[in-house]
Protein backbone atom coordinates (compact mmCIF):
# COMPACT_ATOMS: atom_id res chain seq x y z
CA MET A 1 136.95 -93.34 1.48
CA SER A 2 137.62 -94.50 4.92
CA GLY A 3 139.06 -92.09 7.39
CA ILE A 4 142.32 -93.92 7.91
CA SER A 5 145.27 -91.63 8.85
CA PHE A 6 148.76 -91.89 7.61
CA THR A 7 151.86 -90.90 9.70
CA GLY A 8 154.89 -92.15 7.78
CA VAL A 9 156.79 -91.54 11.10
CA GLY A 10 158.30 -94.93 11.17
CA SER A 11 159.52 -95.10 7.50
CA GLY A 12 159.77 -91.45 6.54
CA ILE A 13 157.87 -92.47 3.38
CA ASP A 14 154.74 -90.67 2.14
CA THR A 15 152.75 -93.79 2.37
CA LYS A 16 149.33 -91.94 1.68
CA THR A 17 150.54 -90.84 -1.77
CA ILE A 18 151.81 -94.29 -2.54
CA VAL A 19 148.43 -95.85 -1.64
CA ASN A 20 146.54 -93.36 -3.71
CA VAL A 21 148.78 -93.98 -6.74
CA LEU A 22 148.37 -97.68 -6.42
CA VAL A 23 144.58 -97.53 -6.17
CA SER A 24 144.42 -94.86 -9.04
CA ALA A 25 146.61 -97.25 -11.20
CA GLU A 26 144.25 -100.20 -10.39
CA ILE A 27 140.84 -98.52 -10.67
CA GLN A 28 141.20 -95.39 -12.89
CA PRO A 29 141.52 -97.38 -16.25
CA GLN A 30 138.25 -99.21 -15.48
CA ARG A 31 136.59 -95.95 -14.51
CA ASP A 32 137.83 -94.25 -17.73
CA GLN A 33 136.50 -97.16 -19.71
CA LEU A 34 133.10 -96.93 -17.98
CA SER A 35 133.08 -93.12 -18.49
CA THR A 36 133.85 -93.58 -22.21
CA ARG A 37 131.05 -95.98 -22.54
CA LYS A 38 128.67 -93.77 -20.68
CA THR A 39 129.49 -90.75 -22.89
CA THR A 40 128.74 -93.00 -26.01
CA LEU A 41 125.45 -94.25 -24.61
CA ASP A 42 124.49 -90.77 -23.67
CA ALA A 43 125.17 -89.62 -27.21
CA GLN A 44 123.15 -92.42 -28.66
CA LEU A 45 120.23 -91.54 -26.35
CA SER A 46 120.35 -88.04 -27.52
CA SER A 47 120.55 -88.97 -31.20
CA PHE A 48 117.54 -91.43 -31.01
CA GLY A 49 115.68 -88.58 -29.35
CA ARG A 50 116.65 -86.20 -32.31
CA LEU A 51 115.72 -88.73 -34.82
CA LYS A 52 112.38 -89.57 -33.20
CA SER A 53 111.56 -85.87 -33.06
CA ALA A 54 112.32 -85.19 -36.67
CA LEU A 55 110.44 -88.29 -37.84
CA SER A 56 107.42 -87.20 -35.75
CA GLU A 57 107.48 -83.79 -37.31
CA PHE A 58 107.84 -85.36 -40.74
CA GLN A 59 104.83 -87.49 -40.04
CA SER A 60 102.74 -84.46 -39.04
CA VAL A 61 103.49 -82.94 -42.40
CA LEU A 62 102.64 -86.25 -44.14
CA ASP A 63 99.29 -86.07 -42.53
CA ASN A 64 98.43 -82.95 -44.40
CA LEU A 65 99.38 -84.57 -47.59
CA LYS A 66 97.91 -88.01 -47.18
CA SER A 67 94.43 -86.56 -46.29
CA PRO A 68 92.40 -85.40 -49.18
CA ASP A 69 90.55 -82.84 -46.93
CA LYS A 70 93.86 -81.21 -46.26
CA PHE A 71 95.51 -81.57 -49.61
CA GLN A 72 92.68 -80.89 -51.93
CA VAL A 73 92.06 -77.42 -50.51
CA ARG A 74 89.28 -75.43 -52.21
CA SER A 75 89.11 -71.76 -52.63
CA THR A 76 85.63 -70.26 -52.16
CA THR A 77 84.62 -66.82 -53.40
CA VAL A 78 81.16 -65.15 -52.90
CA GLY A 79 80.20 -62.15 -54.95
CA ASP A 80 78.36 -60.34 -52.01
CA GLU A 81 78.95 -61.84 -48.57
CA SER A 82 76.18 -59.56 -47.11
CA ARG A 83 73.79 -62.22 -48.74
CA PHE A 84 75.60 -65.32 -47.72
CA THR A 85 79.01 -66.74 -46.98
CA ALA A 86 80.32 -70.20 -47.97
CA THR A 87 83.01 -72.77 -47.19
CA SER A 88 83.96 -75.76 -49.10
CA LYS A 89 85.46 -79.19 -48.40
CA SER A 90 87.73 -81.20 -50.60
CA ASN A 91 84.80 -83.11 -52.30
CA ALA A 92 83.44 -79.87 -53.62
CA GLN A 93 83.41 -79.81 -57.40
CA PRO A 94 85.22 -76.68 -58.75
CA GLY A 95 82.89 -74.43 -60.74
CA GLU A 96 80.63 -71.37 -60.72
CA TYR A 97 77.18 -71.13 -59.39
CA GLN A 98 74.54 -68.32 -59.26
CA VAL A 99 72.62 -68.42 -55.76
CA SER A 100 69.90 -66.17 -54.65
CA VAL A 101 68.61 -66.08 -51.10
CA GLU A 102 64.80 -65.95 -51.65
CA ASN A 103 63.89 -66.33 -47.93
CA LEU A 104 65.67 -66.81 -44.60
CA ALA A 105 64.66 -69.48 -42.24
CA LYS A 106 63.00 -67.97 -38.97
CA SER A 107 62.09 -69.31 -35.73
CA GLN A 108 58.54 -68.97 -34.39
CA ARG A 109 57.68 -66.50 -31.72
CA LEU A 110 54.54 -66.72 -29.76
CA MET A 111 53.34 -64.27 -27.06
CA THR A 112 50.40 -63.87 -24.55
CA ALA A 113 47.29 -62.10 -25.72
CA ASP A 114 47.17 -58.27 -25.60
CA ASN A 115 46.44 -57.05 -22.04
CA ALA A 116 46.16 -60.41 -20.66
CA PHE A 117 48.48 -59.70 -17.70
CA ALA A 118 49.25 -56.24 -16.13
CA SER A 119 52.70 -57.13 -14.84
CA SER A 120 55.16 -60.08 -14.47
CA SER A 121 53.88 -60.66 -10.95
CA ALA A 122 50.46 -61.37 -12.09
CA VAL A 123 49.22 -64.70 -11.12
CA VAL A 124 48.55 -66.93 -14.13
CA GLY A 125 47.33 -70.34 -12.70
CA SER A 126 48.62 -73.75 -11.88
CA GLY A 127 48.70 -77.01 -13.82
CA THR A 128 51.02 -78.67 -16.33
CA LEU A 129 52.39 -77.17 -19.60
CA THR A 130 53.43 -79.52 -22.38
CA ILE A 131 55.66 -77.81 -24.96
CA SER A 132 56.67 -79.64 -28.19
CA THR A 133 58.07 -78.83 -31.67
CA GLY A 134 56.73 -80.32 -34.98
CA GLY A 135 53.32 -81.12 -33.63
CA ALA A 136 51.74 -82.63 -30.51
CA TYR A 137 54.08 -84.06 -27.91
CA ASP A 138 54.98 -87.73 -28.60
CA PRO A 139 57.18 -89.36 -25.81
CA GLY A 140 58.46 -91.93 -28.28
CA LEU A 141 59.72 -89.03 -30.51
CA GLU A 142 61.12 -87.07 -27.55
CA ASN A 143 59.90 -83.87 -29.30
CA GLY A 144 59.11 -81.91 -26.20
CA PHE A 145 59.02 -81.61 -22.36
CA THR A 146 56.62 -80.90 -19.54
CA VAL A 147 56.50 -78.09 -16.92
CA ASP A 148 54.67 -78.48 -13.71
CA ILE A 149 53.41 -75.06 -12.34
CA ASP A 150 52.68 -75.18 -8.52
CA PRO A 151 50.03 -72.90 -7.12
CA SER A 152 52.72 -71.27 -4.89
CA ALA A 153 54.79 -70.25 -7.93
CA ALA A 154 52.33 -69.38 -10.62
CA THR A 155 53.04 -65.82 -11.53
CA LEU A 156 54.03 -64.96 -15.10
CA ASP A 157 57.72 -64.53 -13.96
CA ASP A 158 57.54 -67.85 -12.14
CA ILE A 159 56.32 -69.65 -15.26
CA ARG A 160 59.05 -67.94 -17.40
CA LYS A 161 61.73 -69.35 -14.91
CA ALA A 162 60.07 -72.71 -14.85
CA ILE A 163 60.17 -73.09 -18.66
CA ASN A 164 63.64 -72.03 -19.01
CA ASN A 165 64.90 -74.24 -16.22
CA ALA A 166 62.81 -77.29 -17.23
CA GLU A 167 64.57 -80.62 -17.75
CA GLY A 168 64.55 -81.54 -21.34
CA ASN A 169 64.11 -78.07 -22.54
CA ASP A 170 66.22 -77.59 -25.65
CA SER A 171 63.65 -76.12 -27.91
CA VAL A 172 62.19 -72.80 -26.50
CA THR A 173 63.28 -69.69 -24.59
CA ALA A 174 60.84 -67.86 -22.54
CA SER A 175 61.18 -63.93 -21.83
CA ILE A 176 58.87 -61.13 -20.65
CA VAL A 177 58.65 -57.56 -22.09
CA ASN A 178 56.78 -54.80 -20.32
CA VAL A 179 55.16 -52.61 -23.04
CA ASP A 180 52.36 -50.07 -23.43
CA ASP A 181 48.89 -51.38 -22.97
CA GLY A 182 47.29 -48.68 -25.19
CA LEU A 183 45.37 -47.25 -22.33
CA GLY A 184 48.00 -45.11 -20.84
CA GLY A 185 49.51 -47.84 -18.75
CA THR A 186 51.74 -50.84 -19.15
CA GLN A 187 51.35 -54.58 -19.52
CA ALA A 188 53.60 -57.67 -19.37
CA ARG A 189 53.72 -60.11 -22.13
CA LEU A 190 55.30 -63.50 -22.02
CA ILE A 191 57.21 -64.38 -25.26
CA LEU A 192 58.12 -67.90 -26.24
CA THR A 193 60.60 -68.15 -28.96
CA ALA A 194 61.65 -71.38 -30.68
CA ARG A 195 65.38 -71.97 -30.67
CA GLU A 196 65.35 -73.62 -33.99
CA THR A 197 64.31 -72.18 -37.20
CA GLY A 198 61.98 -73.65 -39.78
CA ILE A 199 58.36 -74.78 -40.02
CA ALA A 200 59.25 -78.12 -38.74
CA ASN A 201 60.13 -76.52 -35.39
CA GLU A 202 56.90 -74.75 -34.79
CA LEU A 203 55.79 -74.74 -31.15
CA THR A 204 52.73 -76.42 -29.66
CA ILE A 205 51.76 -75.67 -26.14
CA ALA A 206 49.17 -77.84 -24.47
CA VAL A 207 47.73 -76.99 -20.96
CA SER A 208 46.37 -79.32 -18.25
CA PRO A 209 45.01 -76.64 -15.89
CA GLY A 210 44.84 -77.14 -12.02
CA SER A 211 42.19 -75.91 -9.83
CA ASP A 212 42.79 -72.30 -11.20
CA PRO A 213 42.13 -72.47 -14.97
CA GLY A 214 44.13 -69.35 -15.61
CA LEU A 215 47.11 -71.43 -17.10
CA SER A 216 44.87 -72.02 -20.14
CA ALA A 217 45.90 -68.49 -21.30
CA LEU A 218 49.21 -70.11 -22.37
CA ALA A 219 47.72 -72.71 -24.64
CA SER A 220 48.59 -72.48 -28.36
CA GLY A 221 45.16 -71.42 -29.30
CA ASN A 222 45.21 -68.44 -26.77
CA LEU A 223 48.69 -67.16 -27.98
CA GLU A 224 49.36 -64.75 -30.56
CA VAL A 225 51.98 -65.36 -33.24
CA SER A 226 54.32 -62.40 -33.32
CA ARG A 227 56.56 -64.15 -35.89
CA ALA A 228 55.73 -67.16 -37.95
CA ALA A 229 58.15 -69.99 -38.54
CA GLU A 230 59.63 -69.97 -41.99
CA ASP A 231 61.95 -72.19 -44.02
CA ALA A 232 64.89 -70.94 -45.86
CA VAL A 233 64.47 -70.83 -49.66
CA VAL A 234 67.46 -70.63 -52.07
CA ARG A 235 67.72 -70.85 -55.71
CA VAL A 236 70.93 -72.27 -57.23
CA ASN A 237 71.41 -71.95 -60.81
CA GLY A 238 67.66 -71.43 -61.15
CA LEU A 239 66.68 -74.42 -59.20
CA THR A 240 64.83 -74.13 -55.85
CA ALA A 241 65.83 -75.65 -52.47
CA THR A 242 63.88 -75.29 -49.25
CA ARG A 243 65.51 -76.08 -45.94
CA SER A 244 64.62 -75.52 -42.24
CA THR A 245 67.97 -73.86 -41.38
CA ASN A 246 70.09 -70.84 -42.69
CA GLU A 247 73.10 -73.19 -42.67
CA ILE A 248 72.77 -75.36 -45.64
CA SER A 249 75.16 -78.08 -46.52
CA ASP A 250 73.40 -80.49 -48.72
CA VAL A 251 72.49 -78.52 -51.72
CA ILE A 252 75.80 -78.12 -53.45
CA GLN A 253 78.08 -81.08 -52.77
CA GLY A 254 80.89 -80.26 -50.37
CA VAL A 255 79.74 -76.68 -49.87
CA THR A 256 78.05 -75.14 -46.84
CA LEU A 257 76.04 -72.00 -47.28
CA ASN A 258 75.46 -69.61 -44.39
CA LEU A 259 72.44 -67.33 -45.38
CA LYS A 260 72.58 -63.73 -44.14
CA SER A 261 69.97 -61.71 -45.80
CA GLU A 262 67.09 -62.25 -48.39
CA GLU A 263 66.26 -60.59 -51.58
CA VAL A 264 64.02 -62.29 -54.06
CA GLY A 265 65.60 -62.66 -57.47
CA GLU A 266 69.06 -61.18 -56.64
CA GLU A 267 71.73 -63.65 -57.87
CA VAL A 268 75.12 -63.75 -56.29
CA SER A 269 78.01 -65.62 -57.86
CA LEU A 270 79.66 -68.42 -55.97
CA THR A 271 82.91 -69.70 -57.39
CA ILE A 272 84.55 -72.89 -56.10
CA GLY A 273 88.19 -73.42 -57.30
CA THR A 274 91.37 -75.17 -56.24
CA ASP A 275 93.50 -73.27 -53.73
CA ASN A 276 96.94 -73.74 -55.33
CA THR A 277 98.56 -71.49 -52.82
CA ALA A 278 97.49 -73.71 -49.91
CA ILE A 279 98.57 -76.78 -51.76
CA GLU A 280 101.91 -75.23 -52.49
CA LYS A 281 102.37 -74.51 -48.94
CA ASN A 282 101.71 -78.02 -47.92
CA VAL A 283 104.12 -79.35 -50.54
CA GLN A 284 106.79 -76.88 -49.40
CA SER A 285 106.38 -78.09 -45.81
CA PHE A 286 106.90 -81.55 -47.01
CA VAL A 287 110.11 -80.57 -48.84
CA ASP A 288 111.40 -78.67 -45.71
CA ALA A 289 110.53 -81.58 -43.25
CA TYR A 290 112.17 -84.09 -45.60
CA ASN A 291 115.38 -81.98 -45.73
CA LYS A 292 115.49 -81.52 -42.07
CA LEU A 293 115.01 -85.25 -41.43
CA GLN A 294 117.68 -86.16 -44.02
CA GLY A 295 119.93 -83.55 -42.38
CA VAL A 296 119.54 -85.28 -39.00
CA LEU A 297 120.13 -88.67 -40.43
CA LYS A 298 123.29 -87.41 -42.13
CA ASP A 299 124.59 -85.66 -39.01
CA ILE A 300 123.96 -88.71 -36.84
CA ALA A 301 125.52 -91.14 -39.19
CA GLY A 302 128.54 -88.96 -39.99
CA LYS A 303 129.76 -87.88 -36.58
CA ASP A 304 131.63 -89.92 -33.97
CA THR A 305 130.09 -87.75 -31.30
CA SER A 306 126.59 -88.98 -32.19
CA GLY A 307 127.25 -92.43 -30.95
CA LEU A 308 125.58 -93.86 -34.00
CA ARG A 309 128.27 -93.43 -36.63
CA GLY A 310 127.61 -96.04 -39.32
CA ASP A 311 124.53 -97.46 -37.55
CA SER A 312 122.62 -99.76 -39.82
CA THR A 313 119.20 -98.41 -38.75
CA VAL A 314 120.20 -94.85 -39.57
CA ARG A 315 121.67 -95.85 -42.90
CA MET A 316 118.57 -97.86 -43.93
CA LEU A 317 116.30 -95.04 -42.95
CA SER A 318 118.10 -92.66 -45.16
CA SER A 319 118.38 -94.98 -48.11
CA GLN A 320 114.70 -96.20 -47.95
CA MET A 321 113.44 -92.62 -47.63
CA ARG A 322 115.13 -91.64 -50.79
CA SER A 323 114.04 -94.71 -52.61
CA LEU A 324 110.41 -94.31 -51.62
CA THR A 325 110.33 -90.67 -52.68
CA SER A 326 111.83 -91.35 -56.01
CA SER A 327 109.65 -94.27 -57.24
CA GLU A 328 106.50 -94.05 -59.29
CA VAL A 329 102.97 -93.99 -58.03
CA SER A 330 100.56 -96.04 -59.97
CA GLY A 331 97.05 -94.84 -60.96
CA THR A 332 98.13 -91.48 -62.03
CA ASP A 333 98.63 -89.65 -65.25
CA PRO A 334 101.92 -90.56 -66.93
CA GLU A 335 103.11 -86.91 -66.49
CA SER A 336 102.48 -87.03 -62.71
CA ARG A 337 103.77 -90.41 -61.59
CA ILE A 338 107.00 -89.19 -59.77
CA LEU A 339 107.73 -86.21 -57.73
CA ALA A 340 110.07 -84.79 -60.24
CA GLN A 341 107.25 -84.33 -62.74
CA VAL A 342 105.40 -82.09 -60.40
CA GLY A 343 108.42 -79.95 -59.42
CA VAL A 344 109.74 -81.73 -56.44
CA ASN A 345 113.40 -82.67 -57.20
CA ILE A 346 116.25 -84.21 -55.24
CA ASP A 347 119.84 -83.38 -56.10
CA LYS A 348 122.95 -85.61 -56.02
CA ASP A 349 123.53 -84.68 -52.27
CA GLY A 350 120.02 -85.92 -51.42
CA LYS A 351 118.51 -82.42 -50.88
CA MET A 352 114.95 -81.89 -52.04
CA SER A 353 113.71 -78.64 -53.62
CA LEU A 354 110.40 -77.42 -54.94
CA ASP A 355 109.83 -75.71 -58.37
CA LYS A 356 106.61 -73.97 -57.62
CA GLU A 357 105.98 -72.91 -61.18
CA VAL A 358 106.04 -76.52 -62.34
CA LEU A 359 103.82 -77.55 -59.50
CA ASN A 360 101.21 -74.91 -60.26
CA GLU A 361 101.33 -75.70 -63.95
CA ARG A 362 100.73 -79.42 -63.20
CA LEU A 363 97.73 -78.44 -60.65
CA ASN A 364 96.17 -76.34 -63.32
CA GLN A 365 96.47 -79.06 -66.09
CA ASP A 366 95.58 -82.11 -64.04
CA PHE A 367 94.77 -81.42 -60.38
CA ASP A 368 93.40 -84.95 -59.76
CA SER A 369 96.64 -86.62 -60.70
CA VAL A 370 98.75 -84.47 -58.57
CA SER A 371 96.34 -85.17 -55.73
CA THR A 372 96.63 -88.81 -56.35
CA LEU A 373 100.35 -88.69 -56.47
CA PHE A 374 100.52 -87.21 -52.94
CA SER A 375 97.33 -88.15 -51.17
CA SER A 376 96.03 -91.54 -52.48
CA GLU A 377 96.20 -94.72 -50.44
CA THR A 378 99.34 -95.76 -52.57
CA GLY A 379 100.64 -92.10 -52.83
CA ILE A 380 103.93 -90.57 -51.69
CA ALA A 381 102.55 -89.39 -48.28
CA SER A 382 100.92 -92.69 -47.28
CA ARG A 383 103.82 -94.74 -48.53
CA LEU A 384 106.18 -92.75 -46.43
CA ASN A 385 103.99 -92.57 -43.38
CA ASP A 386 103.63 -96.45 -43.51
CA PHE A 387 107.40 -96.76 -43.56
CA VAL A 388 107.99 -94.27 -40.84
CA LYS A 389 105.38 -95.31 -38.40
CA PRO A 390 106.95 -98.50 -37.00
CA TYR A 391 109.97 -96.32 -35.97
CA THR A 392 107.94 -93.66 -34.23
CA GLN A 393 104.97 -95.57 -32.67
CA ALA A 394 104.81 -96.45 -28.98
CA GLY A 395 106.86 -99.58 -28.47
CA GLY A 396 108.36 -99.22 -31.94
CA LEU A 397 111.77 -99.52 -33.25
CA LEU A 398 113.16 -96.37 -31.85
CA ASP A 399 111.47 -97.01 -28.45
CA ASN A 400 113.12 -100.33 -28.35
CA ARG A 401 116.47 -98.96 -29.31
CA THR A 402 116.15 -96.20 -26.70
CA GLU A 403 115.19 -98.76 -23.95
CA GLY A 404 118.18 -100.82 -24.90
CA VAL A 405 120.46 -97.83 -24.40
CA ASN A 406 118.74 -96.95 -21.10
CA SER A 407 119.18 -100.54 -19.94
CA ARG A 408 122.88 -100.36 -20.75
CA LEU A 409 123.16 -97.12 -18.85
CA ARG A 410 121.54 -98.65 -15.78
CA SER A 411 124.08 -101.50 -16.07
CA LEU A 412 126.93 -99.05 -16.26
CA ALA A 413 125.57 -97.22 -13.14
CA ASP A 414 125.59 -100.67 -11.26
CA ARG A 415 129.13 -101.26 -12.40
CA GLU A 416 130.24 -97.81 -11.22
CA GLU A 417 128.80 -98.39 -7.85
CA ARG A 418 130.45 -101.77 -7.60
CA LEU A 419 133.73 -99.99 -8.70
CA ASP A 420 133.29 -97.42 -6.02
CA ILE A 421 133.01 -100.12 -3.48
CA ARG A 422 136.02 -101.97 -4.91
CA GLU A 423 138.05 -98.73 -4.80
CA GLU A 424 137.18 -98.18 -1.12
CA ASN A 425 138.08 -101.78 -0.22
CA LEU A 426 141.39 -101.56 -2.12
CA PHE A 427 142.29 -98.29 -0.42
CA ASN A 428 141.53 -99.71 3.06
CA ARG A 429 143.46 -102.84 2.52
CA LEU A 430 146.45 -101.08 1.13
CA SER A 431 146.26 -98.45 3.86
CA ARG A 432 146.19 -101.01 6.55
CA GLN A 433 149.24 -102.85 4.90
CA PHE A 434 151.33 -99.64 4.57
CA ASN A 435 150.44 -98.51 8.06
CA ALA A 436 151.46 -102.00 9.43
CA MET A 437 154.69 -101.79 7.39
CA ASP A 438 155.28 -98.22 8.82
CA SER A 439 154.73 -99.49 12.38
CA MET A 440 157.09 -102.31 11.89
CA VAL A 441 159.79 -99.97 10.49
CA ALA A 442 159.20 -97.70 13.49
CA GLN A 443 159.69 -100.56 15.85
CA ILE A 444 162.84 -101.73 13.98
CA ASN A 445 164.15 -98.22 14.10
CA SER A 446 163.47 -97.96 17.82
CA ASN A 447 165.08 -101.29 18.51
CA GLY A 448 168.14 -100.15 16.41
CA ALA A 449 168.46 -97.07 18.33
CA PHE A 450 168.37 -98.97 21.66
CA LEU A 451 171.01 -101.49 20.53
CA THR A 452 173.17 -98.65 19.25
CA SER A 453 172.86 -96.93 22.53
CA GLN A 454 173.76 -99.99 24.46
CA LEU A 455 176.81 -100.78 22.31
CA SER A 456 177.99 -97.35 22.66
CA SER A 457 177.96 -97.58 26.46
CA LEU A 458 179.98 -100.74 26.41
CA GLN A 459 182.92 -99.08 24.72
CA TYR A 460 183.69 -97.09 27.85
């Protein structure tokens, strides 16, 4: 407040204390009212934050239940993983298969002719290399690329670098090995290895030589095949499948085979089953998240300190959630239409629990019905997610309620600022009035003292 000083000399009264008491009597009730309102709004803001967090966590759990890929988890067991490994998606049909890896897919490897080049610094020749896969280069198919070899950079090592760095090269790797030449010395051999396996990815190298025809040594017809391109061959339950890659995902529906080693005729068992443990974990997470959310709702609705005691939004959320989890889901087996039938129960206090024994029994008896109950378009998870989404989405109900609270807090801050100004103005006005009164009393006292002195002198 203003730096007004108080003397109280004239009246002998503590005018500063009086002014402060008067100002406080006028201002403090209003300040207390604003403070109480701010405390309530801050509590509401915190409660909405807690509620949105709990709802968002609940939605994350619902995502695992409403998605068949995450709910219909499959277990995959391979009898000998040195032969192959396997992974399964939700659309894989449970069952047992006998798989033999007859042949692994291999990438082609070409190399320069024996004793063609003494070292990597040997000059090969200039011109243009056209390297393609699956036959001759066809620009329309984009099945290859070209490499221009300049006469100033035409050594074997220069060509290796040029191939590896060529624009559009995603099909071949060039390397050089220095090996015995069979005559007591060494030789350098350029090796071209296809990056992809299978016969469809065989390499074709065409050469347009420059003034020095030496580059023709790298044409397909002049290269040796050190490893032929081969397709993968597997037999599944006695039926043969040939593919260009060792990662095969289109032979057994929903199953990807990763081939490791080959042995003709050796069958390895592959068992696809339902992973009840993973499903049980997902359902337990749903139960825990539901209870946590209901606990937050109960806490917010039941405490004065939450700022939302008896709030209609909170009450409706709690009651609707319980109603949605208790009602039937159509399209399922009559014994799996409500959560209670698959071991998910809600007691009289609204707390949810999971009977794992009942859940596993229903999964073993009718897995598809349990899956439909949770993860179908009209299932529990989708139903709850559709209900919760308007509350949690950007610009949704909770965001609007939160913005409403923030708006009121900003209004309170403005009112507090105006109250501060009013308090200072009131303090200054009363201070001036009391100082004026004090000065007047001082003048009166001075005049009285003078008159008294004059009267006293007249008596003698």
